[in-house]
PDB file of N, CA and C in Angstrom:
ATOM      1  N   UNK A   1       0.937  -1.191   0.078  1.00  0.00           N
ATOM      2  CA  UNK A   1      -0.094  -0.073   0.039  1.00  0.00           C
ATOM      3  C   UNK A   1       0.847   1.411  -0.110  1.00  0.00           C
ATOM      4  N   UNK A   2       0.379   2.144  -0.756  1.00  0.00           N
ATOM      5  CA  UNK A   2       1.392   3.645  -0.808  1.00  0.00           C
ATOM      6  C   UNK A   2       0.365   4.612  -0.246  1.00  0.00           C
ATOM      7  N   UNK A   3       1.085   5.591   0.287  1.00  0.00           N
ATOM      8  CA  UNK A   3       0.181   6.859   0.592  1.00  0.00           C
ATOM      9  C   UNK A   3       0.688   8.012  -0.259  1.00  0.00           C
ATOM     10  N   UNK A   4      -0.355   8.526  -0.803  1.00  0.00           N
ATOM     11  CA  UNK A   4       0.121   9.704  -1.767  1.00  0.00           C
ATOM     12  C   UNK A   4      -0.160  10.975  -1.503  1.00  0.00           C
ATOM     13  N   UNK A   5       0.894  11.678  -0.880  1.00  0.00           N
ATOM     14  CA  UNK A   5       1.041  12.791  -0.146  1.00  0.00           C
ATOM     15  C   UNK A   5       1.615  13.808  -1.009  1.00  0.00           C
ATOM     16  N   UNK A   6       0.768  14.787  -1.285  1.00  0.00           N
ATOM     17  CA  UNK A   6       1.181  15.825  -2.421  1.00  0.00           C
ATOM     18  C   UNK A   6       2.556  16.381  -1.989  1.00  0.00           C
ATOM     19  N   UNK A   7       3.604  16.631  -2.795  1.00  0.00           N
ATOM     20  CA  UNK A   7       4.731  17.338  -2.541  1.00  0.00           C
ATOM     21  C   UNK A   7       5.067  18.519  -3.319  1.00  0.00           C
ATOM     22  N   UNK A   8       5.605  19.568  -2.563  1.00  0.00           N
ATOM     23  CA  UNK A   8       5.590  20.970  -3.318  1.00  0.00           C
ATOM     24  C   UNK A   8       7.163  20.843  -4.199  1.00  0.00           C
ATOM     25  N   UNK A   9       7.210  21.104  -5.408  1.00  0.00           N
ATOM     26  CA  UNK A   9       8.357  21.256  -6.219  1.00  0.00           C
ATOM     27  C   UNK A   9       9.196  22.766  -5.642  1.00  0.00           C
ATOM     28  N   UNK A  10      10.364  22.509  -5.091  1.00  0.00           N
ATOM     29  CA  UNK A  10      10.884  23.835  -4.821  1.00  0.00           C
ATOM     30  C   UNK A  10      12.042  24.226  -5.576  1.00  0.00           C
ATOM     31  N   UNK A  11      12.526  23.195  -6.318  1.00  0.00           N
ATOM     32  CA  UNK A  11      13.911  23.628  -6.925  1.00  0.00           C
ATOM     33  C   UNK A  11      13.902  22.546  -8.235  1.00  0.00           C
ATOM     34  N   UNK A  12      14.298  22.903  -9.481  1.00  0.00           N
ATOM     35  CA  UNK A  12      14.660  22.080 -10.605  1.00  0.00           C
ATOM     36  C   UNK A  12      16.245  21.885 -10.204  1.00  0.00           C
ATOM     37  N   UNK A  13      16.551  20.543 -10.592  1.00  0.00           N
ATOM     38  CA  UNK A  13      18.138  20.062 -10.461  1.00  0.00           C
ATOM     39  C   UNK A  13      18.324  19.802 -11.869  1.00  0.00           C
ATOM     40  N   UNK A  14      19.560  19.230 -12.174  1.00  0.00           N
ATOM     41  CA  UNK A  14      19.967  18.967 -13.469  1.00  0.00           C
ATOM     42  C   UNK A  14      19.408  17.509 -13.722  1.00  0.00           C
ATOM     43  N   UNK A  15      19.164  17.402 -15.122  1.00  0.00           N
ATOM     44  CA  UNK A  15      18.486  16.342 -15.741  1.00  0.00           C
ATOM     45  C   UNK A  15      16.968  16.381 -15.546  1.00  0.00           C
ATOM     46  N   UNK A  16      16.593  15.342 -15.009  1.00  0.00           N
ATOM     47  CA  UNK A  16      14.993  15.239 -14.719  1.00  0.00           C
ATOM     48  C   UNK A  16      14.792  15.453 -13.055  1.00  0.00           C
ATOM     49  N   UNK A  17      15.563  15.806 -12.402  1.00  0.00           N
ATOM     50  CA  UNK A  17      15.635  15.730 -11.101  1.00  0.00           C
ATOM     51  C   UNK A  17      15.035  17.071 -10.246  1.00  0.00           C
ATOM     52  N   UNK A  18      14.347  17.023  -9.302  1.00  0.00           N
ATOM     53  CA  UNK A  18      13.897  18.010  -8.550  1.00  0.00           C
ATOM     54  C   UNK A  18      13.725  18.044  -7.013  1.00  0.00           C
ATOM     55  N   UNK A  19      14.179  18.981  -6.364  1.00  0.00           N
ATOM     56  CA  UNK A  19      13.890  19.071  -4.920  1.00  0.00           C
ATOM     57  C   UNK A  19      12.729  19.270  -4.381  1.00  0.00           C
ATOM     58  N   UNK A  20      11.900  18.478  -3.742  1.00  0.00           N
ATOM     59  CA  UNK A  20      10.558  18.331  -3.411  1.00  0.00           C
ATOM     60  C   UNK A  20      10.187  18.623  -1.868  1.00  0.00           C
ATOM     61  N   UNK A  21       9.294  19.136  -1.380  1.00  0.00           N
ATOM     62  CA  UNK A  21       9.013  19.270  -0.013  1.00  0.00           C
ATOM     63  C   UNK A  21       7.764  18.543   0.132  1.00  0.00           C
ATOM     64  N   UNK A  22       7.816  17.734   1.024  1.00  0.00           N
ATOM     65  CA  UNK A  22       6.621  16.961   1.702  1.00  0.00           C
ATOM     66  C   UNK A  22       6.593  17.297   3.071  1.00  0.00           C
ATOM     67  N   UNK A  23       5.841  18.053   3.711  1.00  0.00           N
ATOM     68  CA  UNK A  23       5.725  18.683   5.129  1.00  0.00           C
ATOM     69  C   UNK A  23       7.047  19.119   5.420  1.00  0.00           C
ATOM     70  N   UNK A  24       7.873  18.704   6.449  1.00  0.00           N
ATOM     71  CA  UNK A  24       9.022  19.376   6.843  1.00  0.00           C
ATOM     72  C   UNK A  24      10.252  18.639   6.240  1.00  0.00           C
ATOM     73  N   UNK A  25       9.929  17.701   5.270  1.00  0.00           N
ATOM     74  CA  UNK A  25      11.219  16.964   4.763  1.00  0.00           C
ATOM     75  C   UNK A  25      11.466  17.362   3.102  1.00  0.00           C
ATOM     76  N   UNK A  26      12.375  17.237   2.817  1.00  0.00           N
ATOM     77  CA  UNK A  26      12.840  17.775   1.345  1.00  0.00           C
ATOM     78  C   UNK A  26      13.724  16.531   0.730  1.00  0.00           C
ATOM     79  N   UNK A  27      13.169  16.041  -0.376  1.00  0.00           N
ATOM     80  CA  UNK A  27      13.831  14.802  -0.950  1.00  0.00           C
ATOM     81  C   UNK A  27      13.987  15.209  -2.426  1.00  0.00           C
ATOM     82  N   UNK A  28      14.846  14.481  -3.029  1.00  0.00           N
ATOM     83  CA  UNK A  28      15.140  14.552  -4.660  1.00  0.00           C
ATOM     84  C   UNK A  28      14.057  13.701  -5.158  1.00  0.00           C
ATOM     85  N   UNK A  29      13.406  13.877  -6.370  1.00  0.00           N
ATOM     86  CA  UNK A  29      12.520  12.974  -6.905  1.00  0.00           C
ATOM     87  C   UNK A  29      12.686  13.186  -8.444  1.00  0.00           C
ATOM     88  N   UNK A  30      12.546  12.193  -9.241  1.00  0.00           N
ATOM     89  CA  UNK A  30      12.940  12.268 -10.605  1.00  0.00           C
ATOM     90  C   UNK A  30      11.532  12.572 -11.295  1.00  0.00           C
ATOM     91  N   UNK A  31      11.530  13.340 -12.221  1.00  0.00           N
ATOM     92  CA  UNK A  31      10.440  13.908 -12.980  1.00  0.00           C
ATOM     93  C   UNK A  31      10.372  13.482 -14.298  1.00  0.00           C
ATOM     94  N   UNK A  32      10.997  12.490 -14.676  1.00  0.00           N
ATOM     95  CA  UNK A  32      11.009  11.695 -15.784  1.00  0.00           C
ATOM     96  C   UNK A  32       9.796  11.522 -16.464  1.00  0.00           C
ATOM     97  N   UNK A  33       8.649  11.042 -15.648  1.00  0.00           N
ATOM     98  CA  UNK A  33       7.292  10.501 -16.101  1.00  0.00           C
ATOM     99  C   UNK A  33       6.312  11.675 -16.400  1.00  0.00           C
ATOM    100  N   UNK A  34       6.845  12.900 -15.830  1.00  0.00           N
ATOM    101  CA  UNK A  34       5.646  13.880 -15.734  1.00  0.00           C
ATOM    102  C   UNK A  34       6.506  15.142 -16.254  1.00  0.00           C
ATOM    103  N   UNK A  35       5.665  15.588 -17.312  1.00  0.00           N
ATOM    104  CA  UNK A  35       6.101  16.723 -18.216  1.00  0.00           C
ATOM    105  C   UNK A  35       5.579  18.247 -17.747  1.00  0.00           C
ATOM    106  N   UNK A  36       6.528  19.226 -17.930  1.00  0.00           N
ATOM    107  CA  UNK A  36       6.052  20.716 -17.448  1.00  0.00           C
ATOM    108  C   UNK A  36       5.975  21.059 -16.215  1.00  0.00           C
ATOM    109  N   UNK A  37       6.854  20.332 -15.350  1.00  0.00           N
ATOM    110  CA  UNK A  37       6.551  20.740 -13.749  1.00  0.00           C
ATOM    111  C   UNK A  37       7.755  21.654 -13.638  1.00  0.00           C
ATOM    112  N   UNK A  38       7.407  22.745 -12.880  1.00  0.00           N
ATOM    113  CA  UNK A  38       8.145  23.873 -12.334  1.00  0.00           C
ATOM    114  C   UNK A  38       8.016  24.214 -10.877  1.00  0.00           C
ATOM    115  N   UNK A  39       8.783  25.077 -10.509  1.00  0.00           N
ATOM    116  CA  UNK A  39       8.999  25.303  -9.094  1.00  0.00           C
ATOM    117  C   UNK A  39       7.616  25.681  -8.635  1.00  0.00           C
ATOM    118  N   UNK A  40       6.831  25.377  -7.416  1.00  0.00           N
ATOM    119  CA  UNK A  40       5.629  25.943  -6.991  1.00  0.00           C
ATOM    120  C   UNK A  40       4.554  24.741  -7.331  1.00  0.00           C
ATOM    121  N   UNK A  41       4.836  24.040  -8.318  1.00  0.00           N
ATOM    122  CA  UNK A  41       3.681  22.831  -8.630  1.00  0.00           C
ATOM    123  C   UNK A  41       3.763  21.835  -7.528  1.00  0.00           C
ATOM    124  N   UNK A  42       2.723  21.001  -7.660  1.00  0.00           N
ATOM    125  CA  UNK A  42       2.572  19.792  -6.651  1.00  0.00           C
ATOM    126  C   UNK A  42       2.421  18.631  -7.372  1.00  0.00           C
ATOM    127  N   UNK A  43       3.311  17.624  -6.834  1.00  0.00           N
ATOM    128  CA  UNK A  43       3.311  16.387  -7.490  1.00  0.00           C
ATOM    129  C   UNK A  43       2.845  15.158  -6.482  1.00  0.00           C
ATOM    130  N   UNK A  44       2.557  14.135  -6.785  1.00  0.00           N
ATOM    131  CA  UNK A  44       2.314  12.834  -6.348  1.00  0.00           C
ATOM    132  C   UNK A  44       3.507  11.894  -6.797  1.00  0.00           C
ATOM    133  N   UNK A  45       4.295  11.511  -5.933  1.00  0.00           N
ATOM    134  CA  UNK A  45       5.410  10.592  -6.063  1.00  0.00           C
ATOM    135  C   UNK A  45       5.219   9.220  -5.345  1.00  0.00           C
ATOM    136  N   UNK A  46       6.176   8.224  -6.170  1.00  0.00           N
ATOM    137  CA  UNK A  46       6.250   7.041  -5.485  1.00  0.00           C
ATOM    138  C   UNK A  46       7.619   6.090  -5.780  1.00  0.00           C
ATOM    139  N   UNK A  47       8.194   5.846  -4.703  1.00  0.00           N
ATOM    140  CA  UNK A  47       9.522   5.304  -4.936  1.00  0.00           C
ATOM    141  C   UNK A  47      10.527   6.280  -5.790  1.00  0.00           C
ATOM    142  N   UNK A  48      10.328   7.423  -5.615  1.00  0.00           N
ATOM    143  CA  UNK A  48      11.522   8.453  -6.009  1.00  0.00           C
ATOM    144  C   UNK A  48      10.829   8.816  -7.319  1.00  0.00           C
ATOM    145  N   UNK A  49       9.956   8.863  -7.946  1.00  0.00           N
ATOM    146  CA  UNK A  49       9.444   9.314  -9.113  1.00  0.00           C
ATOM    147  C   UNK A  49       8.016  10.005  -9.183  1.00  0.00           C
ATOM    148  N   UNK A  50       8.069  11.052  -9.652  1.00  0.00           N
ATOM    149  CA  UNK A  50       6.714  11.847  -9.914  1.00  0.00           C
ATOM    150  C   UNK A  50       5.874  11.052 -10.660  1.00  0.00           C
ATOM    151  N   UNK A  51       4.731  10.710 -10.275  1.00  0.00           N
ATOM    152  CA  UNK A  51       3.786   9.805 -11.051  1.00  0.00           C
ATOM    153  C   UNK A  51       2.621  11.013 -11.739  1.00  0.00           C
ATOM    154  N   UNK A  52       2.312  12.128 -10.982  1.00  0.00           N
ATOM    155  CA  UNK A  52       1.094  12.943 -11.280  1.00  0.00           C
ATOM    156  C   UNK A  52       1.537  14.392 -10.812  1.00  0.00           C
ATOM    157  N   UNK A  53       1.102  15.193 -11.879  1.00  0.00           N
ATOM    158  CA  UNK A  53       1.001  16.526 -11.532  1.00  0.00           C
ATOM    159  C   UNK A  53      -0.222  17.333 -11.004  1.00  0.00           C
ATOM    160  N   UNK A  54      -0.202  17.626 -10.010  1.00  0.00           N
ATOM    161  CA  UNK A  54      -1.420  18.193  -9.392  1.00  0.00           C
ATOM    162  C   UNK A  54      -1.926  19.759  -9.558  1.00  0.00           C
ATOM    163  N   UNK A  55      -3.271  19.953  -9.915  1.00  0.00           N
ATOM    164  CA  UNK A  55      -3.569  21.376  -9.975  1.00  0.00           C
ATOM    165  C   UNK A  55      -3.529  22.154  -8.422  1.00  0.00           C
ATOM    166  N   UNK A  56      -3.460  23.204  -8.437  1.00  0.00           N
ATOM    167  CA  UNK A  56      -3.357  23.936  -7.189  1.00  0.00           C
ATOM    168  C   UNK A  56      -4.502  23.700  -6.053  1.00  0.00           C
ATOM    169  N   UNK A  57      -5.517  23.566  -6.613  1.00  0.00           N
ATOM    170  CA  UNK A  57      -6.916  23.336  -6.055  1.00  0.00           C
ATOM    171  C   UNK A  57      -7.014  21.785  -5.474  1.00  0.00           C
ATOM    172  N   UNK A  58      -6.565  20.513  -6.456  1.00  0.00           N
ATOM    173  CA  UNK A  58      -6.474  19.369  -5.966  1.00  0.00           C
ATOM    174  C   UNK A  58      -5.568  19.091  -4.727  1.00  0.00           C
ATOM    175  N   UNK A  59      -4.456  19.576  -5.000  1.00  0.00           N
ATOM    176  CA  UNK A  59      -3.370  19.653  -4.113  1.00  0.00           C
ATOM    177  C   UNK A  59      -3.759  20.170  -2.684  1.00  0.00           C
ATOM    178  N   UNK A  60      -4.346  21.582  -2.582  1.00  0.00           N
ATOM    179  CA  UNK A  60      -4.919  21.970  -1.225  1.00  0.00           C
ATOM    180  C   UNK A  60      -5.979  21.226  -0.748  1.00  0.00           C
ATOM    181  N   UNK A  61      -7.017  20.674  -1.682  1.00  0.00           N
ATOM    182  CA  UNK A  61      -7.910  19.824  -0.988  1.00  0.00           C
ATOM    183  C   UNK A  61      -7.293  18.447  -0.428  1.00  0.00           C
ATOM    184  N   UNK A  62      -6.297  17.985  -1.029  1.00  0.00           N
ATOM    185  CA  UNK A  62      -5.706  16.768  -0.521  1.00  0.00           C
ATOM    186  C   UNK A  62      -4.619  17.071   0.782  1.00  0.00           C
ATOM    187  N   UNK A  63      -4.147  18.261   0.890  1.00  0.00           N
ATOM    188  CA  UNK A  63      -3.334  18.509   2.061  1.00  0.00           C
ATOM    189  C   UNK A  63      -4.398  18.761   3.070  1.00  0.00           C
ATOM    190  N   UNK A  64      -5.263  19.251   3.039  1.00  0.00           N
ATOM    191  CA  UNK A  64      -6.591  19.699   3.891  1.00  0.00           C
ATOM    192  C   UNK A  64      -6.917  18.383   4.772  1.00  0.00           C
ATOM    193  N   UNK A  65      -7.256  17.232   3.557  1.00  0.00           N
ATOM    194  CA  UNK A  65      -7.359  15.978   4.320  1.00  0.00           C
ATOM    195  C   UNK A  65      -6.350  15.477   5.278  1.00  0.00           C
ATOM    196  N   UNK A  66      -5.158  15.557   4.523  1.00  0.00           N
ATOM    197  CA  UNK A  66      -4.055  15.097   5.655  1.00  0.00           C
ATOM    198  C   UNK A  66      -3.738  15.848   7.063  1.00  0.00           C
ATOM    199  N   UNK A  67      -4.022  17.320   6.875  1.00  0.00           N
ATOM    200  CA  UNK A  67      -4.005  17.976   7.910  1.00  0.00           C
ATOM    201  C   UNK A  67      -5.028  17.581   8.984  1.00  0.00           C
ATOM    202  N   UNK A  68      -6.330  17.284   8.546  1.00  0.00           N
ATOM    203  CA  UNK A  68      -7.302  16.688   9.495  1.00  0.00           C
ATOM    204  C   UNK A  68      -6.774  15.635  10.378  1.00  0.00           C
ATOM    205  N   UNK A  69      -6.051  14.508   9.605  1.00  0.00           N
ATOM    206  CA  UNK A  69      -5.562  13.345  10.060  1.00  0.00           C
ATOM    207  C   UNK A  69      -4.354  13.369  11.219  1.00  0.00           C
ATOM    208  N   UNK A  70      -3.961  14.479  11.077  1.00  0.00           N
ATOM    209  CA  UNK A  70      -2.745  14.841  12.005  1.00  0.00           C
ATOM    210  C   UNK A  70      -3.149  14.799  13.625  1.00  0.00           C
TER     211      UNK A  70
END
């Protein structure tokens, strides 16, 4: 089972990599499978790869659900 938590892209790195913030953590994610990602966008990632680009409204809704669960 995988938990899909939206992460905010904070910096594009070399190649297809990006630094992404998930809550208080920042990790490097590969953007190979998602096109057009830029800083400020939200993605869903699994196993180090971005799988989906979220629009701001969907990201806010998902983050609100996670906040309720805290």
